Amino acid sequence: MQRILITSAIPYINGVKHLGNLVGSMLPADAYARFMRLRGHEVMFICATDEHGTPAELAAAAAGEPVAEFCARMYHVQKGLYDGFRLSFDHFGRSSSERNHKLTQHFAGALADAGLIYEVEQEQMWSEADGRFLPDRYIEGTCPNCGATNARGDQCETCTKQLDPTDLIDPRSVISGSTDVHPRKTKHLFMKQSALADDIRAWIDTKTDWPVLATSIARKWLDDGDGLQDRGITRDLDWGVPVKRGDEDWPGMKGKVFYVWFDAPIEYIAATAEWADANGKTEADWRRWWRKDEGAQDVRYLQFLAKDNIPFHTITFPATIMGSGEPWKMVDYLKGFNWLTYQGGKFSTSSGRGVFMDQALDILPPDYWRWWLLSNAPESADSDFTWEAFQGGVNKDLADVLGNFASRVTKFCRSKFGEVIPDGGTPGEAEAALTVEVQKRLDAYANAMEAVEMRKATAELRALWVAGNEYLQHAAPWSVFKTDPEQAAMQVRTALNLAALYANVSRPFIPDSCDTLATALNTATNAPWPDSAEEALTALPPGHTFTVPENLFRKIEDAEREGWEAQFAGA
């Protein structure tokens, strides 16, 4: 048994997330966590809301709410949606927690003690119209690197170039839209990332098993231009983690907060401590996941995130941990994802373009979305959601393959033998061949999941479902029953055991449907991974009772698809 720590990128608190946000980190992390639990490993799956910084302030202002109240409300909104999609977090925390405040201040103090924090008097953009300094995300303008006109003051999402607000061409205030912005002097703390560049590069060079997407983005930050630059870690904001050195006030930093991208990754650790607090655990219980001197040396740590978050998880957060000089656990494997686009373009909240998580759950059960998104995960390149592809995936994979198999075999058994596993007959060559094929597919599926290859894993799982349909079609127990009822009984018994296997091993992707099928078959909804295909295909003995499940999946009709296309096309 391994101990496996899993974190998915913490989502901004500023609104309901769309399907691209879901498949870009949280959903594949959940499938992986569920698979590892199924295999018998000890798993800690952590996520949280990212509540600091300008996105929270801007969203709260737009909603007409104090930012703390807005964040508290949206935390419950987001958590409810993640529960709705059956994301099996061991704990879903908040970056505004007292735990994260204290831990962020602790890291800042450790970095200062190591000589890696220094004060800089710099020019920051001041808006005359707004009467305030504008933090990086309160400013937009033209990117000096690629020319995109909607670059933010911290990063251009088009080319992923790290920026400072003063780099932008034709900057404007996000608050008022005013272009009457100009630099004014203020003081901030900077972290000496440049002093850690060689250590980070050497660490990245050891990650030969990481996706190229992750290592290439990290090396771009390390090696482009003048190399890794020092980074400001404080901002002129009211909402955030107050700038302190441990428990002490930081001279000259009154009224400032830590930069959201400094405190947000630290919340992974803090949220695990929140888990301990919420479940009556001790300090040692959470520290064994994160401190290498307290047990975390045996932990395998995986991060799941979209490509725009890669720099902060391969550079900023590692620099914080390395620079602290303390034995914190660092990531072993980083799974980066590309974008999910919508009908050939971007999702857009403002224009109502694309499907957001609350809307998706209003339309169809979570398993429909989970299956399509994971089987089309944007791993090696961007993926595009189209309603036609979604309809085809649901109808062909879920309804025609898995759903049809479960329905055919249970209904046929009920009609000929009753709702009980029938006795009689001896397995022959067809069953031996099926056992070999099932073992092959189980192994391939497990190997793909171990390698964190979601699309490949779903392809192997679907092939496992197809094997059952092909067996049932070739065996044709409905015909055999006319001349050899005992042989037909053996075939049905084999197929029902196969259905029980599907209910077990498909759970990482379609948990609700698996629970429905397992309950109908009168088997455990938390059964462990089978030791072998041979064992799995004989697990339900003659005399075992079951009920015919409700239709596991319904097909999406053309008229529905056309209606949804129009509904979510955007203004």
Protein backbone atom coordinates (compact mmCIF):
# COMPACT_ATOMS: atom_id res chain seq x y z
CA MET A 1 0.00 0.00 0.00
CA GLN A 2 1.27 3.43 -0.98
CA ARG A 3 0.46 6.78 0.57
CA ILE A 4 -0.61 9.13 -2.20
CA LEU A 5 -1.13 12.88 -1.82
CA ILE A 6 -3.17 14.52 -4.59
CA THR A 7 -3.87 18.22 -5.06
CA SER A 8 -5.81 19.89 -7.85
CA ALA A 9 -5.37 23.57 -8.66
CA ILE A 10 -7.49 25.61 -6.29
CA PRO A 11 -10.26 27.44 -8.17
CA TYR A 12 -10.81 31.17 -7.88
CA ILE A 13 -13.74 32.13 -5.70
CA ASN A 14 -14.99 34.70 -8.20
CA GLY A 15 -17.74 32.64 -9.80
CA VAL A 16 -19.13 29.32 -10.99
CA LYS A 17 -16.59 27.44 -13.09
CA HIS A 18 -17.14 26.13 -16.60
CA LEU A 19 -16.49 22.64 -17.93
CA GLY A 20 -12.96 23.57 -19.01
CA ASN A 21 -12.04 24.48 -15.44
CA LEU A 22 -13.50 21.18 -14.27
CA VAL A 23 -11.57 18.94 -16.67
CA GLY A 24 -8.39 21.02 -16.39
CA SER A 25 -7.58 19.88 -12.86
CA MET A 26 -10.29 18.76 -10.43
CA LEU A 27 -12.05 16.03 -12.43
CA PRO A 28 -8.97 14.05 -13.55
CA ALA A 29 -7.54 14.40 -10.06
CA ASP A 30 -10.75 12.90 -8.69
CA ALA A 31 -10.67 9.97 -11.14
CA TYR A 32 -7.07 9.27 -10.15
CA ALA A 33 -7.86 9.52 -6.43
CA ARG A 34 -10.80 7.14 -6.79
CA PHE A 35 -8.69 4.67 -8.76
CA MET A 36 -5.93 4.70 -6.16
CA ARG A 37 -8.40 4.12 -3.35
CA LEU A 38 -9.90 1.27 -5.39
CA ARG A 39 -6.42 -0.25 -5.60
CA GLY A 40 -6.13 -0.17 -1.80
CA HIS A 41 -3.79 2.80 -1.35
CA GLU A 42 -4.06 5.45 1.35
CA VAL A 43 -5.08 8.66 -0.40
CA MET A 44 -5.24 12.29 0.70
CA PHE A 45 -7.06 14.36 -1.94
CA ILE A 46 -6.98 18.09 -1.19
CA CYS A 47 -8.44 21.19 -2.80
CA ALA A 48 -9.77 24.59 -1.69
CA THR A 49 -11.16 27.87 -2.91
CA ASP A 50 -8.61 30.55 -3.86
CA GLU A 51 -10.11 33.55 -2.09
CA HIS A 52 -7.52 36.30 -2.14
CA GLY A 53 -6.38 38.79 -4.71
CA THR A 54 -8.14 41.01 -7.17
CA PRO A 55 -10.50 38.39 -8.69
CA ALA A 56 -12.25 38.09 -5.34
CA GLU A 57 -12.38 41.85 -4.77
CA LEU A 58 -13.68 42.58 -8.26
CA ALA A 59 -16.33 39.85 -8.10
CA ALA A 60 -17.48 41.02 -4.66
CA ALA A 61 -17.71 44.62 -5.88
CA ALA A 62 -19.76 43.51 -8.88
CA ALA A 63 -22.08 41.57 -6.57
CA GLY A 64 -22.40 44.52 -4.19
CA GLU A 65 -21.18 42.48 -1.21
CA PRO A 66 -18.32 42.87 1.27
CA VAL A 67 -15.54 40.64 0.02
CA ALA A 68 -15.49 38.39 3.11
CA GLU A 69 -19.23 37.75 2.85
CA PHE A 70 -18.99 37.17 -0.89
CA CYS A 71 -16.21 34.60 -0.41
CA ALA A 72 -18.11 32.79 2.34
CA ARG A 73 -21.21 32.54 0.16
CA MET A 74 -19.35 31.47 -2.97
CA TYR A 75 -17.41 28.85 -1.05
CA HIS A 76 -20.66 27.02 -0.34
CA VAL A 77 -21.84 27.52 -3.93
CA GLN A 78 -18.66 26.04 -5.34
CA LYS A 79 -18.47 23.22 -2.82
CA GLY A 80 -22.06 22.27 -3.60
CA LEU A 81 -21.26 22.01 -7.30
CA TYR A 82 -18.14 19.94 -6.70
CA ASP A 83 -20.20 17.63 -4.51
CA GLY A 84 -22.72 17.50 -7.35
CA PHE A 85 -20.02 16.29 -9.72
CA ARG A 86 -19.01 13.73 -7.07
CA LEU A 87 -15.51 15.11 -6.54
CA SER A 88 -14.25 13.01 -3.64
CA PHE A 89 -12.02 15.50 -1.83
CA ASP A 90 -10.83 14.38 1.57
CA HIS A 91 -11.06 18.06 2.39
CA PHE A 92 -12.13 21.13 0.44
CA GLY A 93 -10.76 24.14 2.26
CA ARG A 94 -10.47 27.91 1.99
CA SER A 95 -7.32 29.92 1.40
CA SER A 96 -8.72 32.61 3.70
CA SER A 97 -8.49 30.19 6.63
CA GLU A 98 -6.52 31.02 9.74
CA ARG A 99 -4.35 27.99 8.97
CA ASN A 100 -3.29 29.49 5.65
CA HIS A 101 -2.70 32.92 7.17
CA LYS A 102 -0.34 31.47 9.77
CA LEU A 103 1.45 29.12 7.39
CA THR A 104 1.95 31.81 4.73
CA GLN A 105 3.40 34.15 7.34
CA HIS A 106 5.59 31.30 8.57
CA PHE A 107 7.04 30.70 5.10
CA ALA A 108 7.65 34.41 4.60
CA GLY A 109 9.56 34.53 7.86
CA ALA A 110 11.63 31.46 6.95
CA LEU A 111 12.51 32.99 3.57
CA ALA A 112 13.50 36.23 5.26
CA ASP A 113 15.67 34.35 7.75
CA ALA A 114 17.38 32.67 4.80
CA GLY A 115 18.14 36.07 3.25
CA LEU A 116 15.76 35.53 0.34
CA ILE A 117 13.40 38.45 0.96
CA TYR A 118 14.29 42.07 0.30
CA GLU A 119 12.43 45.36 0.18
CA VAL A 120 12.08 47.35 -3.02
CA GLU A 121 10.80 50.84 -3.56
CA GLN A 122 9.14 50.64 -6.90
CA GLU A 123 6.71 52.42 -9.11
CA GLN A 124 3.25 50.95 -9.14
CA MET A 125 0.34 52.05 -11.21
CA TRP A 126 -1.90 54.63 -9.55
CA SER A 127 -5.36 55.45 -10.85
CA GLU A 128 -6.46 59.04 -10.39
CA ALA A 129 -10.05 58.10 -11.21
CA ASP A 130 -10.10 55.35 -8.56
CA GLY A 131 -7.90 57.11 -6.03
CA ARG A 132 -5.80 54.02 -5.31
CA PHE A 133 -2.89 51.86 -6.35
CA LEU A 134 -3.92 49.27 -8.91
CA PRO A 135 -2.66 45.76 -8.18
CA ASP A 136 -1.66 43.71 -11.20
CA ARG A 137 -5.06 42.22 -11.93
CA TYR A 138 -6.76 45.61 -11.70
CA ILE A 139 -4.85 46.61 -14.83
CA GLU A 140 -5.24 45.44 -18.39
CA GLY A 141 -3.43 46.50 -21.52
CA THR A 142 -1.51 45.31 -24.55
CA CYS A 143 1.07 42.57 -24.03
CA PRO A 144 4.57 43.75 -25.05
CA ASN A 145 5.47 40.17 -25.97
CA CYS A 146 2.63 38.99 -28.23
CA GLY A 147 0.43 42.05 -28.75
CA ALA A 148 -2.73 40.62 -27.14
CA THR A 149 -4.92 43.55 -26.07
CA ASN A 150 -6.37 41.92 -22.94
CA ALA A 151 -3.16 41.07 -21.07
CA ARG A 152 -3.33 41.40 -17.28
CA GLY A 153 -0.79 43.12 -15.10
CA ASP A 154 0.66 39.83 -13.85
CA GLN A 155 0.50 37.55 -16.88
CA CYS A 156 -0.66 37.40 -20.47
CA GLU A 157 -3.04 34.48 -20.80
CA THR A 158 -2.49 34.40 -24.57
CA CYS A 159 1.27 33.74 -24.52
CA THR A 160 1.67 32.94 -20.74
CA LYS A 161 4.41 35.60 -20.42
CA GLN A 162 4.95 36.73 -16.84
CA LEU A 163 4.47 40.50 -16.64
CA ASP A 164 4.56 43.46 -14.32
CA PRO A 165 1.87 46.14 -14.65
CA THR A 166 4.41 48.69 -15.83
CA ASP A 167 5.24 46.41 -18.78
CA LEU A 168 1.80 46.85 -20.34
CA ILE A 169 1.25 49.09 -23.33
CA ASP A 170 -1.74 51.45 -23.06
CA PRO A 171 -2.71 50.30 -19.54
CA ARG A 172 -6.21 50.91 -18.21
CA SER A 173 -8.01 50.43 -14.89
CA VAL A 174 -10.22 47.36 -14.67
CA ILE A 175 -12.31 49.14 -12.04
CA SER A 176 -13.22 52.31 -13.92
CA GLY A 177 -11.81 51.73 -17.39
CA SER A 178 -9.84 54.94 -17.00
CA THR A 179 -6.57 55.30 -18.91
CA ASP A 180 -5.49 58.04 -16.50
CA VAL A 181 -3.09 55.71 -14.75
CA HIS A 182 0.53 56.43 -14.01
CA PRO A 183 3.36 55.08 -11.84
CA ARG A 184 3.72 56.19 -8.22
CA LYS A 185 6.26 55.00 -5.68
CA THR A 186 5.41 52.33 -3.10
CA LYS A 187 7.36 49.68 -1.18
CA HIS A 188 7.02 45.94 -1.60
CA LEU A 189 8.76 42.71 -0.65
CA PHE A 190 10.51 40.62 -3.30
CA MET A 191 11.61 37.00 -3.16
CA LYS A 192 15.04 36.18 -4.59
CA GLN A 193 13.89 33.56 -7.07
CA SER A 194 17.05 34.24 -9.07
CA ALA A 195 19.18 32.88 -6.21
CA LEU A 196 17.27 29.60 -6.43
CA ALA A 197 17.25 29.25 -10.23
CA ASP A 198 20.03 26.65 -10.38
CA ASP A 199 18.39 24.55 -7.67
CA ILE A 200 15.01 24.71 -9.41
CA ARG A 201 16.55 23.87 -12.77
CA ALA A 202 18.39 20.86 -11.31
CA TRP A 203 15.14 19.71 -9.70
CA ILE A 204 13.19 20.09 -12.96
CA ASP A 205 15.92 18.12 -14.79
CA THR A 206 15.14 15.11 -12.57
CA LYS A 207 11.49 15.07 -13.70
CA THR A 208 12.03 13.01 -16.83
CA ASP A 209 8.63 11.32 -16.49
CA TRP A 210 6.65 14.57 -16.44
CA PRO A 211 4.54 15.62 -19.43
CA VAL A 212 6.53 17.78 -21.85
CA LEU A 213 3.93 20.52 -21.37
CA ALA A 214 4.98 20.92 -17.74
CA THR A 215 8.76 20.82 -18.10
CA SER A 216 8.84 22.98 -21.24
CA ILE A 217 6.88 25.79 -19.59
CA ALA A 218 9.13 25.60 -16.51
CA ARG A 219 12.31 25.76 -18.61
CA LYS A 220 10.92 28.69 -20.59
CA TRP A 221 10.60 30.67 -17.38
CA LEU A 222 14.05 29.60 -16.23
CA ASP A 223 15.94 30.22 -19.44
CA ASP A 224 14.15 32.84 -21.55
CA GLY A 225 15.74 36.27 -21.72
CA ASP A 226 17.71 37.09 -18.58
CA GLY A 227 16.59 33.95 -16.80
CA LEU A 228 14.47 33.61 -13.69
CA GLN A 229 13.61 36.98 -12.19
CA ASP A 230 12.93 37.94 -8.59
CA ARG A 231 9.23 38.26 -7.87
CA GLY A 232 7.19 40.68 -5.79
CA ILE A 233 5.25 38.83 -3.10
CA THR A 234 3.18 41.67 -1.62
CA ARG A 235 0.35 43.86 -2.89
CA ASP A 236 -1.51 47.02 -1.91
CA LEU A 237 -4.84 45.39 -1.11
CA ASP A 238 -7.16 45.20 1.88
CA TRP A 239 -8.19 41.56 1.38
CA GLY A 240 -5.61 38.85 1.84
CA VAL A 241 -3.01 37.48 4.23
CA PRO A 242 -1.53 40.43 6.17
CA VAL A 243 2.20 40.85 5.66
CA LYS A 244 3.86 39.58 8.81
CA ARG A 245 7.11 37.84 9.60
CA GLY A 246 5.82 34.88 11.51
CA ASP A 247 3.68 36.44 14.26
CA GLU A 248 5.44 39.82 14.15
CA ASP A 249 4.50 42.91 12.14
CA TRP A 250 6.79 43.52 9.18
CA PRO A 251 8.26 47.02 9.40
CA GLY A 252 7.05 49.26 6.59
CA MET A 253 4.46 46.75 5.34
CA LYS A 254 1.42 47.88 7.32
CA GLY A 255 -1.77 47.64 5.28
CA LYS A 256 -0.28 45.32 2.66
CA VAL A 257 -1.07 41.67 1.97
CA PHE A 258 0.84 38.82 0.42
CA TYR A 259 0.44 38.29 -3.30
CA VAL A 260 -2.24 35.69 -3.99
CA TRP A 261 0.17 33.51 -5.94
CA PHE A 262 2.44 33.38 -2.91
CA ASP A 263 -0.23 32.23 -0.47
CA ALA A 264 -2.45 30.13 -2.79
CA PRO A 265 -0.17 27.06 -3.21
CA ILE A 266 0.62 27.13 0.49
CA GLU A 267 -3.11 26.44 0.99
CA TYR A 268 -2.50 22.87 -0.19
CA ILE A 269 -0.59 22.34 3.03
CA ALA A 270 -2.94 24.50 5.10
CA ALA A 271 -6.02 22.67 3.78
CA THR A 272 -4.55 19.38 4.95
CA ALA A 273 -4.18 20.95 8.39
CA GLU A 274 -7.82 22.11 8.06
CA TRP A 275 -8.72 18.47 7.36
CA ALA A 276 -7.07 17.50 10.62
CA ASP A 277 -8.95 20.23 12.50
CA ALA A 278 -12.29 19.22 10.96
CA ASN A 279 -11.87 15.53 11.73
CA GLY A 280 -10.44 15.59 15.24
CA LYS A 281 -6.95 14.66 14.04
CA THR A 282 -3.63 15.67 15.54
CA GLU A 283 -0.90 17.89 14.15
CA ALA A 284 1.10 14.73 13.44
CA ASP A 285 -1.77 13.37 11.32
CA TRP A 286 -1.47 16.12 8.72
CA ARG A 287 2.26 16.72 9.00
CA ARG A 288 2.96 13.09 8.02
CA TRP A 289 1.70 14.06 4.55
CA TRP A 290 3.88 17.15 4.19
CA ARG A 291 6.97 17.00 6.38
CA LYS A 292 9.69 14.63 5.22
CA ASP A 293 11.09 14.50 8.74
CA GLU A 294 7.70 13.33 10.05
CA GLY A 295 6.77 10.59 7.58
CA ALA A 296 6.20 12.33 4.25
CA GLN A 297 9.36 10.88 2.73
CA ASP A 298 7.22 7.84 1.84
CA VAL A 299 4.44 9.89 0.22
CA ARG A 300 3.98 10.14 -3.55
CA TYR A 301 2.67 13.63 -4.30
CA LEU A 302 0.82 14.46 -7.55
CA GLN A 303 -0.50 17.83 -8.70
CA PHE A 304 -3.21 18.30 -11.34
CA LEU A 305 -3.55 21.69 -13.03
CA ALA A 306 -4.11 23.57 -16.28
CA LYS A 307 -1.19 24.93 -18.26
CA ASP A 308 -1.63 28.55 -17.12
CA ASN A 309 -0.94 27.41 -13.54
CA ILE A 310 2.21 25.45 -14.39
CA PRO A 311 4.71 28.29 -13.82
CA PHE A 312 3.50 28.88 -10.28
CA HIS A 313 3.73 25.17 -9.43
CA THR A 314 7.09 24.52 -11.07
CA ILE A 315 8.80 27.80 -10.10
CA THR A 316 7.08 29.93 -7.43
CA PHE A 317 5.87 27.26 -5.01
CA PRO A 318 9.03 25.13 -5.31
CA ALA A 319 11.11 28.27 -4.70
CA THR A 320 9.10 28.95 -1.54
CA ILE A 321 9.66 25.43 -0.25
CA MET A 322 13.33 25.23 -1.24
CA GLY A 323 14.06 28.69 0.08
CA SER A 324 12.50 27.97 3.47
CA GLY A 325 15.23 25.45 4.17
CA GLU A 326 12.63 23.21 5.79
CA PRO A 327 11.92 19.57 4.86
CA TRP A 328 8.54 20.05 3.18
CA LYS A 329 7.32 17.52 0.65
CA MET A 330 7.68 18.64 -2.98
CA VAL A 331 5.65 17.37 -5.90
CA ASP A 332 6.73 14.07 -7.47
CA TYR A 333 4.53 14.22 -10.57
CA LEU A 334 2.81 17.19 -12.16
CA LYS A 335 -0.02 16.53 -14.62
CA GLY A 336 -0.62 19.61 -16.75
CA PHE A 337 -3.62 19.99 -19.05
CA ASN A 338 -4.24 22.11 -22.11
CA TRP A 339 -7.49 24.01 -22.75
CA LEU A 340 -10.98 22.74 -23.36
CA THR A 341 -12.59 25.03 -25.91
CA TYR A 342 -16.31 25.37 -26.62
CA GLN A 343 -17.65 24.86 -30.14
CA GLY A 344 -14.34 26.09 -31.60
CA GLY A 345 -13.96 29.14 -29.33
CA LYS A 346 -13.58 30.21 -25.71
CA PHE A 347 -16.01 29.78 -22.86
CA SER A 348 -17.31 33.20 -21.84
CA THR A 349 -19.13 34.11 -18.65
CA SER A 350 -20.00 37.61 -19.83
CA SER A 351 -21.63 36.52 -23.07
CA GLY A 352 -23.15 33.27 -21.76
CA ARG A 353 -21.12 31.16 -24.15
CA GLY A 354 -20.51 27.59 -23.07
CA VAL A 355 -21.75 25.31 -20.31
CA PHE A 356 -20.98 26.12 -16.70
CA MET A 357 -21.06 23.59 -13.90
CA ASP A 358 -24.42 24.57 -12.41
CA GLN A 359 -26.04 24.52 -15.86
CA ALA A 360 -24.53 21.14 -16.68
CA LEU A 361 -26.01 19.52 -13.58
CA ASP A 362 -29.41 21.02 -14.36
CA ILE A 363 -29.36 19.28 -17.76
CA LEU A 364 -27.98 15.80 -17.12
CA PRO A 365 -26.58 13.64 -14.29
CA PRO A 366 -22.89 14.07 -13.42
CA ASP A 367 -21.73 10.77 -14.91
CA TYR A 368 -22.63 11.89 -18.43
CA TRP A 369 -20.32 14.88 -18.10
CA ARG A 370 -17.61 13.03 -16.21
CA TRP A 371 -17.34 10.34 -18.87
CA TRP A 372 -17.24 12.64 -21.87
CA LEU A 373 -14.85 15.16 -20.35
CA LEU A 374 -12.37 12.55 -19.14
CA SER A 375 -12.52 10.52 -22.33
CA ASN A 376 -11.73 13.75 -24.22
CA ALA A 377 -9.38 15.31 -21.67
CA PRO A 378 -7.03 17.93 -23.20
CA GLU A 379 -3.84 16.07 -22.37
CA SER A 380 -1.50 16.37 -25.36
CA ALA A 381 -3.38 19.23 -27.06
CA ASP A 382 -6.47 21.38 -26.66
CA SER A 383 -9.82 19.58 -26.89
CA ASP A 384 -13.02 21.05 -28.25
CA PHE A 385 -16.44 20.48 -26.72
CA THR A 386 -19.19 20.22 -29.31
CA TRP A 387 -22.72 19.15 -28.61
CA GLU A 388 -22.60 16.66 -31.45
CA ALA A 389 -19.49 14.98 -30.01
CA PHE A 390 -21.00 14.99 -26.53
CA GLN A 391 -24.21 13.40 -27.77
CA GLY A 392 -22.25 10.78 -29.68
CA GLY A 393 -20.03 9.91 -26.73
CA VAL A 394 -22.91 9.55 -24.29
CA ASN A 395 -25.12 7.58 -26.66
CA LYS A 396 -22.47 5.25 -28.03
CA ASP A 397 -20.28 4.62 -25.00
CA LEU A 398 -22.64 4.85 -22.05
CA ALA A 399 -26.05 3.96 -23.46
CA ASP A 400 -25.21 1.56 -26.31
CA VAL A 401 -22.22 -0.23 -24.76
CA LEU A 402 -22.35 -0.28 -20.96
CA GLY A 403 -26.02 0.47 -20.39
CA ASN A 404 -27.18 -1.93 -23.06
CA PHE A 405 -25.05 -4.76 -21.68
CA ALA A 406 -26.36 -4.38 -18.13
CA SER A 407 -29.95 -4.15 -19.32
CA ARG A 408 -29.81 -7.14 -21.69
CA VAL A 409 -28.24 -9.62 -19.33
CA THR A 410 -30.30 -8.76 -16.24
CA LYS A 411 -33.61 -8.69 -18.10
CA PHE A 412 -32.87 -11.94 -19.93
CA CYS A 413 -31.89 -13.69 -16.69
CA ARG A 414 -35.06 -12.48 -14.98
CA SER A 415 -37.20 -13.76 -17.85
CA LYS A 416 -35.66 -17.27 -17.92
CA PHE A 417 -34.20 -17.92 -14.47
CA GLY A 418 -35.65 -15.26 -12.20
CA GLU A 419 -33.72 -12.58 -10.31
CA VAL A 420 -31.04 -15.00 -9.13
CA ILE A 421 -27.67 -16.12 -10.47
CA PRO A 422 -28.46 -19.42 -12.23
CA ASP A 423 -26.62 -22.69 -11.61
CA GLY A 424 -25.51 -25.21 -14.17
CA GLY A 425 -23.22 -25.50 -17.16
CA THR A 426 -19.43 -25.58 -17.43
CA PRO A 427 -17.31 -22.73 -18.83
CA GLY A 428 -15.67 -23.57 -22.12
CA GLU A 429 -13.32 -22.07 -24.72
CA ALA A 430 -15.38 -18.91 -25.16
CA GLU A 431 -15.26 -18.19 -21.44
CA ALA A 432 -11.51 -18.92 -21.32
CA ALA A 433 -10.94 -16.48 -24.17
CA LEU A 434 -13.12 -13.91 -22.43
CA THR A 435 -11.08 -14.30 -19.23
CA VAL A 436 -7.85 -13.63 -21.15
CA GLU A 437 -9.34 -10.58 -22.86
CA VAL A 438 -10.73 -9.17 -19.61
CA GLN A 439 -7.38 -9.60 -17.87
CA LYS A 440 -5.62 -7.89 -20.76
CA ARG A 441 -8.00 -4.93 -20.66
CA LEU A 442 -7.90 -4.67 -16.87
CA ASP A 443 -4.12 -4.55 -16.92
CA ALA A 444 -4.03 -1.98 -19.73
CA TYR A 445 -6.61 0.16 -17.95
CA ALA A 446 -4.70 0.00 -14.67
CA ASN A 447 -1.39 0.80 -16.38
CA ALA A 448 -2.90 3.85 -18.06
CA MET A 449 -4.30 5.10 -14.77
CA GLU A 450 -0.97 4.53 -13.03
CA ALA A 451 0.62 6.63 -15.78
CA VAL A 452 -2.08 9.32 -15.34
CA GLU A 453 -3.20 8.96 -18.97
CA MET A 454 -6.92 9.65 -18.76
CA ARG A 455 -7.88 9.31 -22.40
CA LYS A 456 -6.01 6.04 -22.76
CA ALA A 457 -7.58 4.75 -19.55
CA THR A 458 -11.10 5.50 -20.76
CA ALA A 459 -10.36 3.83 -24.10
CA GLU A 460 -9.24 0.67 -22.30
CA LEU A 461 -12.24 0.77 -19.99
CA ARG A 462 -14.59 1.12 -22.95
CA ALA A 463 -12.83 -1.81 -24.62
CA LEU A 464 -13.52 -3.81 -21.45
CA TRP A 465 -17.23 -2.98 -21.79
CA VAL A 466 -17.13 -3.90 -25.49
CA ALA A 467 -15.66 -7.30 -24.61
CA GLY A 468 -18.77 -8.09 -22.60
CA ASN A 469 -21.11 -7.10 -25.41
CA GLU A 470 -19.14 -9.16 -27.91
CA TYR A 471 -19.20 -12.18 -25.59
CA LEU A 472 -22.93 -11.86 -25.08
CA GLN A 473 -23.54 -11.44 -28.79
CA HIS A 474 -21.46 -14.49 -29.75
CA ALA A 475 -22.68 -16.68 -26.89
CA ALA A 476 -26.32 -15.77 -27.67
CA PRO A 477 -27.81 -17.38 -24.52
CA TRP A 478 -31.31 -16.48 -25.75
CA SER A 479 -30.78 -18.99 -28.59
CA VAL A 480 -28.81 -21.55 -26.57
CA PHE A 481 -31.55 -21.61 -23.92
CA LYS A 482 -33.92 -23.28 -26.39
CA THR A 483 -31.74 -26.39 -26.64
CA ASP A 484 -29.38 -26.27 -23.63
CA PRO A 485 -30.73 -24.30 -20.65
CA GLU A 486 -27.76 -25.24 -18.43
CA GLN A 487 -25.27 -23.88 -20.97
CA ALA A 488 -27.31 -20.71 -21.22
CA ALA A 489 -27.32 -20.48 -17.43
CA MET A 490 -23.51 -20.60 -17.38
CA GLN A 491 -23.32 -17.87 -20.04
CA VAL A 492 -25.71 -15.64 -18.15
CA ARG A 493 -23.85 -16.27 -14.90
CA THR A 494 -20.60 -15.24 -16.60
CA ALA A 495 -22.19 -12.09 -18.03
CA LEU A 496 -23.72 -11.09 -14.69
CA ASN A 497 -20.32 -11.43 -13.04
CA LEU A 498 -18.91 -9.26 -15.80
CA ALA A 499 -21.56 -6.63 -15.04
CA ALA A 500 -20.52 -6.71 -11.39
CA LEU A 501 -16.91 -6.23 -12.46
CA TYR A 502 -17.92 -3.19 -14.53
CA ALA A 503 -19.72 -1.71 -11.53
CA ASN A 504 -16.51 -2.06 -9.55
CA VAL A 505 -13.73 -0.89 -11.88
CA SER A 506 -15.65 1.87 -13.72
CA ARG A 507 -16.21 3.81 -10.50
CA PRO A 508 -13.36 6.34 -11.02
CA PHE A 509 -15.22 7.69 -14.03
CA ILE A 510 -18.96 7.10 -13.46
CA PRO A 511 -19.44 6.60 -9.71
CA ASP A 512 -23.20 7.15 -9.48
CA SER A 513 -23.99 4.68 -12.26
CA CYS A 514 -21.65 2.14 -10.72
CA ASP A 515 -23.39 2.48 -7.38
CA THR A 516 -26.76 1.98 -9.08
CA LEU A 517 -25.55 -1.13 -10.88
CA ALA A 518 -23.78 -2.57 -7.83
CA THR A 519 -26.88 -2.03 -5.69
CA ALA A 520 -29.05 -3.77 -8.28
CA LEU A 521 -26.62 -6.69 -8.43
CA ASN A 522 -26.54 -6.83 -4.62
CA THR A 523 -22.77 -6.29 -4.45
CA ALA A 524 -20.66 -3.88 -2.41
CA THR A 525 -20.41 -0.31 -3.67
CA ASN A 526 -16.88 -0.12 -2.26
CA ALA A 527 -15.49 -3.46 -3.41
CA PRO A 528 -11.70 -3.55 -3.90
CA TRP A 529 -9.94 -4.02 -7.21
CA PRO A 530 -10.19 -7.70 -8.26
CA ASP A 531 -7.16 -9.92 -7.83
CA SER A 532 -7.69 -11.42 -11.28
CA ALA A 533 -10.18 -11.64 -14.13
CA GLU A 534 -10.69 -15.30 -13.34
CA GLU A 535 -11.71 -14.48 -9.79
CA ALA A 536 -13.94 -11.60 -10.92
CA LEU A 537 -15.84 -13.74 -13.42
CA THR A 538 -16.81 -16.25 -10.73
CA ALA A 539 -17.34 -13.86 -7.80
CA LEU A 540 -21.15 -14.05 -7.80
CA PRO A 541 -22.14 -17.65 -7.02
CA PRO A 542 -25.29 -19.48 -8.09
CA GLY A 543 -28.17 -18.46 -5.89
CA HIS A 544 -26.98 -14.86 -5.46
CA THR A 545 -30.00 -12.57 -5.85
CA PHE A 546 -30.23 -9.34 -7.81
CA THR A 547 -32.75 -6.90 -9.24
CA VAL A 548 -32.94 -5.46 -12.73
CA PRO A 549 -31.50 -1.93 -12.58
CA GLU A 550 -33.29 1.07 -13.91
CA ASN A 551 -32.00 2.19 -17.29
CA LEU A 552 -28.47 3.30 -16.44
CA PHE A 553 -28.23 5.88 -19.20
CA ARG A 554 -30.73 7.50 -21.46
CA LYS A 555 -29.87 8.64 -24.95
CA ILE A 556 -29.65 12.30 -25.86
CA GLU A 557 -32.15 13.09 -28.61
CA ASP A 558 -31.33 15.30 -31.59
CA ALA A 559 -33.95 17.85 -30.58
CA GLU A 560 -32.39 18.17 -27.11
CA ARG A 561 -28.94 18.65 -28.58
CA GLU A 562 -30.15 21.33 -30.94
CA GLY A 563 -31.90 23.12 -28.10
CA TRP A 564 -28.78 23.12 -25.94
CA GLU A 565 -26.65 24.35 -28.83
CA ALA A 566 -28.92 27.36 -29.16
CA GLN A 567 -29.26 27.92 -25.41
CA PHE A 568 -25.51 28.06 -24.74
CA ALA A 569 -24.35 29.72 -27.97
CA GLY A 570 -23.85 33.05 -26.20
CA ALA A 571 -24.86 36.58 -27.04
